[in-house]
């Protein structure tokens, strides 16, 4: 799929060479979709044409995004090992069943 962005002629020279603008637009779009959870890490890597996961991790880190830090990943991380005042909820439940 190709997407065309209308940019006013007077602004175009300030944005840089057309290839640079296209790449920055693709990166911004991909990053936003990754952050929204609509693209996975492998999807983003493919979209941006990175050959390795290291390149993707470097891209994400350069843009202030920890690799694997998506809304879904944050929810799952929150669930795992959640404590209530330092107490394990599963242990509290088990204790109540005795």
PDB file of N, CA and C in Angstrom:
ATOM      1  N   UNK A   1       0.845  -1.168   0.000  1.00  0.00           N
ATOM      2  CA  UNK A   1       0.000   0.000   0.000  1.00  0.00           C
ATOM      3  C   UNK A   1       0.892   1.233   0.000  1.00  0.00           C
ATOM      4  N   UNK A   2       0.530   2.194  -0.798  1.00  0.00           N
ATOM      5  CA  UNK A   2       1.225   3.476  -0.812  1.00  0.00           C
ATOM      6  C   UNK A   2       0.268   4.537  -0.298  1.00  0.00           C
ATOM      7  N   UNK A   3       0.795   5.450   0.481  1.00  0.00           N
ATOM      8  CA  UNK A   3       0.004   6.537   1.051  1.00  0.00           C
ATOM      9  C   UNK A   3       0.629   7.849   0.599  1.00  0.00           C
ATOM     10  N   UNK A   4      -0.209   8.784   0.207  1.00  0.00           N
ATOM     11  CA  UNK A   4       0.268  10.099  -0.226  1.00  0.00           C
ATOM     12  C   UNK A   4      -0.144  11.135   0.809  1.00  0.00           C
ATOM     13  N   UNK A   5       0.810  11.966   1.199  1.00  0.00           N
ATOM     14  CA  UNK A   5       0.530  13.036   2.154  1.00  0.00           C
ATOM     15  C   UNK A   5       0.608  14.379   1.448  1.00  0.00           C
ATOM     16  N   UNK A   6      -0.448  15.160   1.505  1.00  0.00           N
ATOM     17  CA  UNK A   6      -0.375  16.489   0.893  1.00  0.00           C
ATOM     18  C   UNK A   6       0.414  17.444   1.801  1.00  0.00           C
ATOM     19  N   UNK A   7       1.495  17.995   1.268  1.00  0.00           N
ATOM     20  CA  UNK A   7       2.318  18.953   2.008  1.00  0.00           C
ATOM     21  C   UNK A   7       2.358  20.234   1.192  1.00  0.00           C
ATOM     22  N   UNK A   8       1.998  21.355   1.814  1.00  0.00           N
ATOM     23  CA  UNK A   8       2.028  22.620   1.078  1.00  0.00           C
ATOM     24  C   UNK A   8       3.413  22.900   0.499  1.00  0.00           C
ATOM     25  N   UNK A   9       3.442  23.423  -0.715  1.00  0.00           N
ATOM     26  CA  UNK A   9       4.700  23.677  -1.425  1.00  0.00           C
ATOM     27  C   UNK A   9       5.664  24.564  -0.647  1.00  0.00           C
ATOM     28  N   UNK A  10       5.134  25.535   0.094  1.00  0.00           N
ATOM     29  CA  UNK A  10       6.026  26.439   0.825  1.00  0.00           C
ATOM     30  C   UNK A  10       6.675  25.763   2.034  1.00  0.00           C
ATOM     31  N   UNK A  11       6.090  24.682   2.532  1.00  0.00           N
ATOM     32  CA  UNK A  11       6.663  23.972   3.666  1.00  0.00           C
ATOM     33  C   UNK A  11       7.624  22.864   3.248  1.00  0.00           C
ATOM     34  N   UNK A  12       7.433  22.320   2.084  1.00  0.00           N
ATOM     35  CA  UNK A  12       8.214  21.167   1.616  1.00  0.00           C
ATOM     36  C   UNK A  12       9.726  21.374   1.706  1.00  0.00           C
ATOM     37  N   UNK A  13      10.276  22.518   1.271  1.00  0.00           N
ATOM     38  CA  UNK A  13      11.737  22.675   1.349  1.00  0.00           C
ATOM     39  C   UNK A  13      12.283  22.615   2.775  1.00  0.00           C
ATOM     40  N   UNK A  14      11.480  23.050   3.744  1.00  0.00           N
ATOM     41  CA  UNK A  14      11.933  23.047   5.135  1.00  0.00           C
ATOM     42  C   UNK A  14      11.937  21.648   5.742  1.00  0.00           C
ATOM     43  N   UNK A  15      11.216  20.720   5.141  1.00  0.00           N
ATOM     44  CA  UNK A  15      11.096  19.379   5.696  1.00  0.00           C
ATOM     45  C   UNK A  15      12.199  18.437   5.243  1.00  0.00           C
ATOM     46  N   UNK A  16      12.940  18.828   4.224  1.00  0.00           N
ATOM     47  CA  UNK A  16      14.046  18.007   3.759  1.00  0.00           C
ATOM     48  C   UNK A  16      13.747  17.332   2.435  1.00  0.00           C
ATOM     49  N   UNK A  17      14.649  16.457   2.049  1.00  0.00           N
ATOM     50  CA  UNK A  17      14.508  15.733   0.786  1.00  0.00           C
ATOM     51  C   UNK A  17      13.301  14.810   0.862  1.00  0.00           C
ATOM     52  N   UNK A  18      12.615  14.617  -0.262  1.00  0.00           N
ATOM     53  CA  UNK A  18      11.422  13.771  -0.256  1.00  0.00           C
ATOM     54  C   UNK A  18      11.651  12.378   0.339  1.00  0.00           C
ATOM     55  N   UNK A  19      12.778  11.763   0.060  1.00  0.00           N
ATOM     56  CA  UNK A  19      13.066  10.441   0.624  1.00  0.00           C
ATOM     57  C   UNK A  19      13.176  10.469   2.139  1.00  0.00           C
ATOM     58  N   UNK A  20      13.790  11.537   2.677  1.00  0.00           N
ATOM     59  CA  UNK A  20      13.913  11.685   4.125  1.00  0.00           C
ATOM     60  C   UNK A  20      12.551  11.875   4.778  1.00  0.00           C
ATOM     61  N   UNK A  21      11.721  12.686   4.135  1.00  0.00           N
ATOM     62  CA  UNK A  21      10.383  12.950   4.674  1.00  0.00           C
ATOM     63  C   UNK A  21       9.566  11.671   4.668  1.00  0.00           C
ATOM     64  N   UNK A  22       9.652  10.928   3.582  1.00  0.00           N
ATOM     65  CA  UNK A  22       8.908   9.663   3.488  1.00  0.00           C
ATOM     66  C   UNK A  22       9.343   8.698   4.580  1.00  0.00           C
ATOM     67  N   UNK A  23      10.639   8.590   4.811  1.00  0.00           N
ATOM     68  CA  UNK A  23      11.146   7.668   5.824  1.00  0.00           C
ATOM     69  C   UNK A  23      10.718   8.096   7.218  1.00  0.00           C
ATOM     70  N   UNK A  24      10.834   9.394   7.509  1.00  0.00           N
ATOM     71  CA  UNK A  24      10.425   9.887   8.830  1.00  0.00           C
ATOM     72  C   UNK A  24       8.934   9.682   9.048  1.00  0.00           C
ATOM     73  N   UNK A  25       8.132   9.881   8.009  1.00  0.00           N
ATOM     74  CA  UNK A  25       6.686   9.673   8.127  1.00  0.00           C
ATOM     75  C   UNK A  25       6.389   8.195   8.392  1.00  0.00           C
ATOM     76  N   UNK A  26       7.075   7.299   7.685  1.00  0.00           N
ATOM     77  CA  UNK A  26       6.875   5.866   7.883  1.00  0.00           C
ATOM     78  C   UNK A  26       7.279   5.461   9.300  1.00  0.00           C
ATOM     79  N   UNK A  27       8.403   5.968   9.775  1.00  0.00           N
ATOM     80  CA  UNK A  27       8.865   5.643  11.124  1.00  0.00           C
ATOM     81  C   UNK A  27       7.894   6.156  12.179  1.00  0.00           C
ATOM     82  N   UNK A  28       7.410   7.379  12.016  1.00  0.00           N
ATOM     83  CA  UNK A  28       6.468   7.955  12.979  1.00  0.00           C
ATOM     84  C   UNK A  28       5.161   7.167  12.998  1.00  0.00           C
ATOM     85  N   UNK A  29       4.680   6.815  11.818  1.00  0.00           N
ATOM     86  CA  UNK A  29       3.457   6.028  11.711  1.00  0.00           C
ATOM     87  C   UNK A  29       3.643   4.659  12.358  1.00  0.00           C
ATOM     88  N   UNK A  30       4.730   3.991  12.020  1.00  0.00           N
ATOM     89  CA  UNK A  30       4.989   2.664  12.571  1.00  0.00           C
ATOM     90  C   UNK A  30       5.118   2.684  14.083  1.00  0.00           C
ATOM     91  N   UNK A  31       5.836   3.671  14.603  1.00  0.00           N
ATOM     92  CA  UNK A  31       6.014   3.785  16.050  1.00  0.00           C
ATOM     93  C   UNK A  31       4.679   4.023  16.745  1.00  0.00           C
ATOM     94  N   UNK A  32       3.854   4.893  16.186  1.00  0.00           N
ATOM     95  CA  UNK A  32       2.534   5.167  16.779  1.00  0.00           C
ATOM     96  C   UNK A  32       1.659   3.913  16.780  1.00  0.00           C
ATOM     97  N   UNK A  33       1.697   3.154  15.710  1.00  0.00           N
ATOM     98  CA  UNK A  33       0.897   1.931  15.637  1.00  0.00           C
ATOM     99  C   UNK A  33       1.426   0.865  16.593  1.00  0.00           C
ATOM    100  N   UNK A  34       2.735   0.811  16.769  1.00  0.00           N
ATOM    101  CA  UNK A  34       3.352  -0.115  17.723  1.00  0.00           C
ATOM    102  C   UNK A  34       2.939   0.257  19.146  1.00  0.00           C
ATOM    103  N   UNK A  35       2.998   1.537  19.467  1.00  0.00           N
ATOM    104  CA  UNK A  35       2.634   2.001  20.801  1.00  0.00           C
ATOM    105  C   UNK A  35       1.151   1.762  21.090  1.00  0.00           C
ATOM    106  N   UNK A  36       0.328   1.824  20.053  1.00  0.00           N
ATOM    107  CA  UNK A  36      -1.109   1.603  20.219  1.00  0.00           C
ATOM    108  C   UNK A  36      -1.445   0.112  20.298  1.00  0.00           C
ATOM    109  N   UNK A  37      -0.460  -0.739  20.041  1.00  0.00           N
ATOM    110  CA  UNK A  37      -0.685  -2.171  20.110  1.00  0.00           C
ATOM    111  C   UNK A  37      -1.235  -2.791  18.838  1.00  0.00           C
ATOM    112  N   UNK A  38      -1.271  -2.021  17.754  1.00  0.00           N
ATOM    113  CA  UNK A  38      -1.775  -2.553  16.485  1.00  0.00           C
ATOM    114  C   UNK A  38      -0.685  -3.234  15.663  1.00  0.00           C
ATOM    115  N   UNK A  39       0.575  -2.989  16.012  1.00  0.00           N
ATOM    116  CA  UNK A  39       1.706  -3.668  15.375  1.00  0.00           C
ATOM    117  C   UNK A  39       2.535  -4.329  16.463  1.00  0.00           C
ATOM    118  N   UNK A  40       3.006  -5.519  16.198  1.00  0.00           N
ATOM    119  CA  UNK A  40       3.927  -6.198  17.104  1.00  0.00           C
ATOM    120  C   UNK A  40       5.348  -5.760  16.758  1.00  0.00           C
ATOM    121  N   UNK A  41       6.304  -6.165  17.579  1.00  0.00           N
ATOM    122  CA  UNK A  41       7.706  -5.880  17.280  1.00  0.00           C
ATOM    123  C   UNK A  41       8.124  -6.434  15.926  1.00  0.00           C
ATOM    124  N   UNK A  42       7.822  -7.716  15.651  1.00  0.00           N
ATOM    125  CA  UNK A  42       8.171  -8.251  14.330  1.00  0.00           C
ATOM    126  C   UNK A  42       7.473  -7.518  13.177  1.00  0.00           C
ATOM    127  N   UNK A  43       6.232  -7.084  13.404  1.00  0.00           N
ATOM    128  CA  UNK A  43       5.527  -6.308  12.371  1.00  0.00           C
ATOM    129  C   UNK A  43       6.260  -4.999  12.094  1.00  0.00           C
ATOM    130  N   UNK A  44       6.639  -4.302  13.168  1.00  0.00           N
ATOM    131  CA  UNK A  44       7.320  -3.018  13.025  1.00  0.00           C
ATOM    132  C   UNK A  44       8.674  -3.207  12.352  1.00  0.00           C
ATOM    133  N   UNK A  45       9.364  -4.247  12.740  1.00  0.00           N
ATOM    134  CA  UNK A  45      10.666  -4.545  12.130  1.00  0.00           C
ATOM    135  C   UNK A  45      10.521  -4.737  10.624  1.00  0.00           C
ATOM    136  N   UNK A  46       9.504  -5.475  10.229  1.00  0.00           N
ATOM    137  CA  UNK A  46       9.255  -5.720   8.806  1.00  0.00           C
ATOM    138  C   UNK A  46       8.850  -4.436   8.078  1.00  0.00           C
ATOM    139  N   UNK A  47       7.971  -3.659   8.713  1.00  0.00           N
ATOM    140  CA  UNK A  47       7.511  -2.405   8.118  1.00  0.00           C
ATOM    141  C   UNK A  47       8.680  -1.470   7.840  1.00  0.00           C
ATOM    142  N   UNK A  48       9.607  -1.394   8.790  1.00  0.00           N
ATOM    143  CA  UNK A  48      10.735  -0.467   8.660  1.00  0.00           C
ATOM    144  C   UNK A  48      11.924  -1.065   7.928  1.00  0.00           C
ATOM    145  N   UNK A  49      11.855  -2.357   7.597  1.00  0.00           N
ATOM    146  CA  UNK A  49      12.914  -2.989   6.814  1.00  0.00           C
ATOM    147  C   UNK A  49      14.181  -3.274   7.586  1.00  0.00           C
ATOM    148  N   UNK A  50      14.066  -3.469   8.904  1.00  0.00           N
ATOM    149  CA  UNK A  50      15.241  -3.792   9.702  1.00  0.00           C
ATOM    150  C   UNK A  50      15.562  -5.273   9.550  1.00  0.00           C
ATOM    151  N   UNK A  51      16.841  -5.588   9.405  1.00  0.00           N
ATOM    152  CA  UNK A  51      17.269  -6.966   9.210  1.00  0.00           C
ATOM    153  C   UNK A  51      17.355  -7.739  10.528  1.00  0.00           C
ATOM    154  N   UNK A  52      17.587  -7.025  11.636  1.00  0.00           N
ATOM    155  CA  UNK A  52      17.783  -7.708  12.914  1.00  0.00           C
ATOM    156  C   UNK A  52      16.926  -7.085  14.008  1.00  0.00           C
ATOM    157  N   UNK A  53      16.732  -7.848  15.075  1.00  0.00           N
ATOM    158  CA  UNK A  53      16.012  -7.330  16.245  1.00  0.00           C
ATOM    159  C   UNK A  53      16.818  -6.232  16.925  1.00  0.00           C
ATOM    160  N   UNK A  54      18.140  -6.332  16.844  1.00  0.00           N
ATOM    161  CA  UNK A  54      18.999  -5.311  17.452  1.00  0.00           C
ATOM    162  C   UNK A  54      18.714  -3.952  16.825  1.00  0.00           C
ATOM    163  N   UNK A  55      18.548  -3.914  15.504  1.00  0.00           N
ATOM    164  CA  UNK A  55      18.231  -2.646  14.834  1.00  0.00           C
ATOM    165  C   UNK A  55      16.892  -2.102  15.323  1.00  0.00           C
ATOM    166  N   UNK A  56      15.920  -2.989  15.480  1.00  0.00           N
ATOM    167  CA  UNK A  56      14.609  -2.551  15.986  1.00  0.00           C
ATOM    168  C   UNK A  56      14.741  -2.024  17.404  1.00  0.00           C
ATOM    169  N   UNK A  57      15.461  -2.742  18.264  1.00  0.00           N
ATOM    170  CA  UNK A  57      15.657  -2.291  19.644  1.00  0.00           C
ATOM    171  C   UNK A  57      16.348  -0.933  19.691  1.00  0.00           C
ATOM    172  N   UNK A  58      17.340  -0.730  18.822  1.00  0.00           N
ATOM    173  CA  UNK A  58      18.029   0.566  18.775  1.00  0.00           C
ATOM    174  C   UNK A  58      17.072   1.670  18.333  1.00  0.00           C
ATOM    175  N   UNK A  59      16.239   1.378  17.346  1.00  0.00           N
ATOM    176  CA  UNK A  59      15.243   2.350  16.871  1.00  0.00           C
ATOM    177  C   UNK A  59      14.284   2.706  18.003  1.00  0.00           C
ATOM    178  N   UNK A  60      13.757   1.694  18.682  1.00  0.00           N
ATOM    179  CA  UNK A  60      12.802   1.942  19.762  1.00  0.00           C
ATOM    180  C   UNK A  60      13.448   2.734  20.894  1.00  0.00           C
ATOM    181  N   UNK A  61      14.660   2.365  21.261  1.00  0.00           N
ATOM    182  CA  UNK A  61      15.364   3.068  22.327  1.00  0.00           C
ATOM    183  C   UNK A  61      15.631   4.523  21.938  1.00  0.00           C
ATOM    184  N   UNK A  62      16.017   4.754  20.693  1.00  0.00           N
ATOM    185  CA  UNK A  62      16.283   6.118  20.214  1.00  0.00           C
ATOM    186  C   UNK A  62      15.028   6.988  20.240  1.00  0.00           C
ATOM    187  N   UNK A  63      13.876   6.341  20.186  1.00  0.00           N
ATOM    188  CA  UNK A  63      12.613   7.080  20.195  1.00  0.00           C
ATOM    189  C   UNK A  63      11.912   7.009  21.554  1.00  0.00           C
ATOM    190  N   UNK A  64      12.686   6.701  22.603  1.00  0.00           N
ATOM    191  CA  UNK A  64      12.162   6.723  23.961  1.00  0.00           C
ATOM    192  C   UNK A  64      11.182   5.610  24.273  1.00  0.00           C
ATOM    193  N   UNK A  65      11.242   4.543  23.525  1.00  0.00           N
ATOM    194  CA  UNK A  65      10.326   3.420  23.718  1.00  0.00           C
ATOM    195  C   UNK A  65      11.155   2.202  24.089  1.00  0.00           C
ATOM    196  N   UNK A  66      10.930   1.664  25.275  1.00  0.00           N
ATOM    197  CA  UNK A  66      11.645   0.449  25.655  1.00  0.00           C
ATOM    198  C   UNK A  66      11.153  -0.696  24.787  1.00  0.00           C
ATOM    199  N   UNK A  67      12.053  -1.497  24.242  1.00  0.00           N
ATOM    200  CA  UNK A  67      11.622  -2.642  23.435  1.00  0.00           C
ATOM    201  C   UNK A  67      10.632  -3.511  24.202  1.00  0.00           C
ATOM    202  N   UNK A  68       9.554  -3.875  23.547  1.00  0.00           N
ATOM    203  CA  UNK A  68       8.527  -4.706  24.182  1.00  0.00           C
ATOM    204  C   UNK A  68       7.574  -3.925  25.057  1.00  0.00           C
ATOM    205  N   UNK A  69       7.705  -2.600  25.097  1.00  0.00           N
ATOM    206  CA  UNK A  69       6.855  -1.788  25.963  1.00  0.00           C
ATOM    207  C   UNK A  69       5.647  -1.282  25.172  1.00  0.00           C
ATOM    208  N   UNK A  70       4.618  -2.100  25.101  1.00  0.00           N
ATOM    209  CA  UNK A  70       3.367  -1.739  24.449  1.00  0.00           C
ATOM    210  C   UNK A  70       2.282  -1.736  25.505  1.00  0.00           C
ATOM    211  N   UNK A  71       1.103  -1.217  25.209  1.00  0.00           N
ATOM    212  CA  UNK A  71       0.027  -1.271  26.199  1.00  0.00           C
ATOM    213  C   UNK A  71      -0.244  -2.700  26.692  1.00  0.00           C
ATOM    214  N   UNK A  72      -0.254  -3.648  25.777  1.00  0.00           N
ATOM    215  CA  UNK A  72      -0.502  -5.038  26.173  1.00  0.00           C
ATOM    216  C   UNK A  72       0.614  -5.540  27.078  1.00  0.00           C
ATOM    217  N   UNK A  73       1.868  -5.241  26.720  1.00  0.00           N
ATOM    218  CA  UNK A  73       2.995  -5.679  27.538  1.00  0.00           C
ATOM    219  C   UNK A  73       2.947  -5.049  28.925  1.00  0.00           C
ATOM    220  N   UNK A  74       2.534  -3.786  29.010  1.00  0.00           N
ATOM    221  CA  UNK A  74       2.439  -3.128  30.315  1.00  0.00           C
ATOM    222  C   UNK A  74       1.357  -3.774  31.176  1.00  0.00           C
ATOM    223  N   UNK A  75       0.231  -4.130  30.580  1.00  0.00           N
ATOM    224  CA  UNK A  75      -0.848  -4.781  31.334  1.00  0.00           C
ATOM    225  C   UNK A  75      -0.383  -6.144  31.834  1.00  0.00           C
ATOM    226  N   UNK A  76       0.254  -6.915  30.955  1.00  0.00           N
ATOM    227  CA  UNK A  76       0.738  -8.230  31.367  1.00  0.00           C
ATOM    228  C   UNK A  76       1.797  -8.114  32.448  1.00  0.00           C
ATOM    229  N   UNK A  77       2.692  -7.151  32.327  1.00  0.00           N
ATOM    230  CA  UNK A  77       3.732  -6.956  33.333  1.00  0.00           C
ATOM    231  C   UNK A  77       3.115  -6.534  34.664  1.00  0.00           C
ATOM    232  N   UNK A  78       2.056  -5.753  34.613  1.00  0.00           N
ATOM    233  CA  UNK A  78       1.375  -5.306  35.828  1.00  0.00           C
ATOM    234  C   UNK A  78       0.753  -6.499  36.549  1.00  0.00           C
ATOM    235  N   UNK A  79       0.171  -7.419  35.777  1.00  0.00           N
ATOM    236  CA  UNK A  79      -0.484  -8.591  36.357  1.00  0.00           C
ATOM    237  C   UNK A  79       0.510  -9.532  37.007  1.00  0.00           C
ATOM    238  N   UNK A  80       1.653  -9.718  36.359  1.00  0.00           N
ATOM    239  CA  UNK A  80       2.642 -10.683  36.854  1.00  0.00           C
ATOM    240  C   UNK A  80       3.319 -10.124  38.094  1.00  0.00           C
ATOM    241  N   UNK A  81       3.270 -10.869  39.160  1.00  0.00           N
ATOM    242  CA  UNK A  81       3.971 -10.480  40.379  1.00  0.00           C
ATOM    243  C   UNK A  81       3.348  -9.311  41.108  1.00  0.00           C
ATOM    244  N   UNK A  82       2.092  -9.015  40.844  1.00  0.00           N
ATOM    245  CA  UNK A  82       1.426  -7.908  41.526  1.00  0.00           C
ATOM    246  C   UNK A  82       1.352  -8.200  43.020  1.00  0.00           C
ATOM    247  N   UNK A  83       1.638  -7.211  43.809  1.00  0.00           N
ATOM    248  CA  UNK A  83       1.638  -7.367  45.265  1.00  0.00           C
ATOM    249  C   UNK A  83       0.650  -6.387  45.883  1.00  0.00           C
ATOM    250  N   UNK A  84       0.114  -6.790  47.013  1.00  0.00           N
ATOM    251  CA  UNK A  84      -0.763  -5.919  47.793  1.00  0.00           C
ATOM    252  C   UNK A  84      -0.028  -5.579  49.081  1.00  0.00           C
ATOM    253  N   UNK A  85       0.527  -4.405  49.145  1.00  0.00           N
ATOM    254  CA  UNK A  85       1.286  -4.014  50.322  1.00  0.00           C
ATOM    255  C   UNK A  85       2.420  -4.978  50.627  1.00  0.00           C
ATOM    256  N   UNK A  86       3.041  -5.516  49.577  1.00  0.00           N
ATOM    257  CA  UNK A  86       4.144  -6.450  49.765  1.00  0.00           C
ATOM    258  C   UNK A  86       3.694  -7.897  49.908  1.00  0.00           C
ATOM    259  N   UNK A  87       2.391  -8.135  49.935  1.00  0.00           N
ATOM    260  CA  UNK A  87       1.877  -9.498  50.078  1.00  0.00           C
ATOM    261  C   UNK A  87       1.440 -10.038  48.728  1.00  0.00           C
ATOM    262  N   UNK A  88       1.621 -11.318  48.530  1.00  0.00           N
ATOM    263  CA  UNK A  88       1.241 -11.988  47.296  1.00  0.00           C
ATOM    264  C   UNK A  88      -0.252 -12.328  47.365  1.00  0.00           C
ATOM    265  N   UNK A  89      -1.097 -11.800  46.437  1.00  0.00           N
ATOM    266  CA  UNK A  89      -2.534 -12.090  46.482  1.00  0.00           C
ATOM    267  C   UNK A  89      -2.839 -13.590  46.441  1.00  0.00           C
ATOM    268  N   UNK A  90      -2.084 -14.367  45.655  1.00  0.00           N
ATOM    269  CA  UNK A  90      -2.333 -15.806  45.590  1.00  0.00           C
ATOM    270  C   UNK A  90      -2.094 -16.458  46.952  1.00  0.00           C
ATOM    271  N   UNK A  91      -1.057 -16.014  47.658  1.00  0.00           N
ATOM    272  CA  UNK A  91      -0.777 -16.573  48.975  1.00  0.00           C
ATOM    273  C   UNK A  91      -1.888 -16.194  49.950  1.00  0.00           C
ATOM    274  N   UNK A  92      -2.406 -14.990  49.828  1.00  0.00           N
ATOM    275  CA  UNK A  92      -3.508 -14.570  50.710  1.00  0.00           C
ATOM    276  C   UNK A  92      -4.750 -15.416  50.456  1.00  0.00           C
ATOM    277  N   UNK A  93      -5.027 -15.708  49.217  1.00  0.00           N
ATOM    278  CA  UNK A  93      -6.189 -16.533  48.869  1.00  0.00           C
ATOM    279  C   UNK A  93      -6.010 -17.940  49.426  1.00  0.00           C
ATOM    280  N   UNK A  94      -4.806 -18.494  49.225  1.00  0.00           N
ATOM    281  CA  UNK A  94      -4.532 -19.835  49.751  1.00  0.00           C
ATOM    282  C   UNK A  94      -4.678 -19.852  51.279  1.00  0.00           C
ATOM    283  N   UNK A  95      -4.225 -18.823  51.928  1.00  0.00           N
ATOM    284  CA  UNK A  95      -4.298 -18.747  53.390  1.00  0.00           C
ATOM    285  C   UNK A  95      -5.756 -18.718  53.834  1.00  0.00           C
ATOM    286  N   UNK A  96      -6.595 -18.012  53.103  1.00  0.00           N
ATOM    287  CA  UNK A  96      -8.016 -17.917  53.447  1.00  0.00           C
ATOM    288  C   UNK A  96      -8.769 -19.209  53.250  1.00  0.00           C
ATOM    289  N   UNK A  97      -8.260 -20.113  52.438  1.00  0.00           N
ATOM    290  CA  UNK A  97      -8.936 -21.378  52.158  1.00  0.00           C
ATOM    291  C   UNK A  97      -8.652 -22.434  53.208  1.00  0.00           C
ATOM    292  N   UNK A  98      -7.709 -22.201  54.084  1.00  0.00           N
ATOM    293  CA  UNK A  98      -7.357 -23.222  55.100  1.00  0.00           C
ATOM    294  C   UNK A  98      -8.362 -23.266  56.195  1.00  0.00           C
TER     295      UNK A  98
END
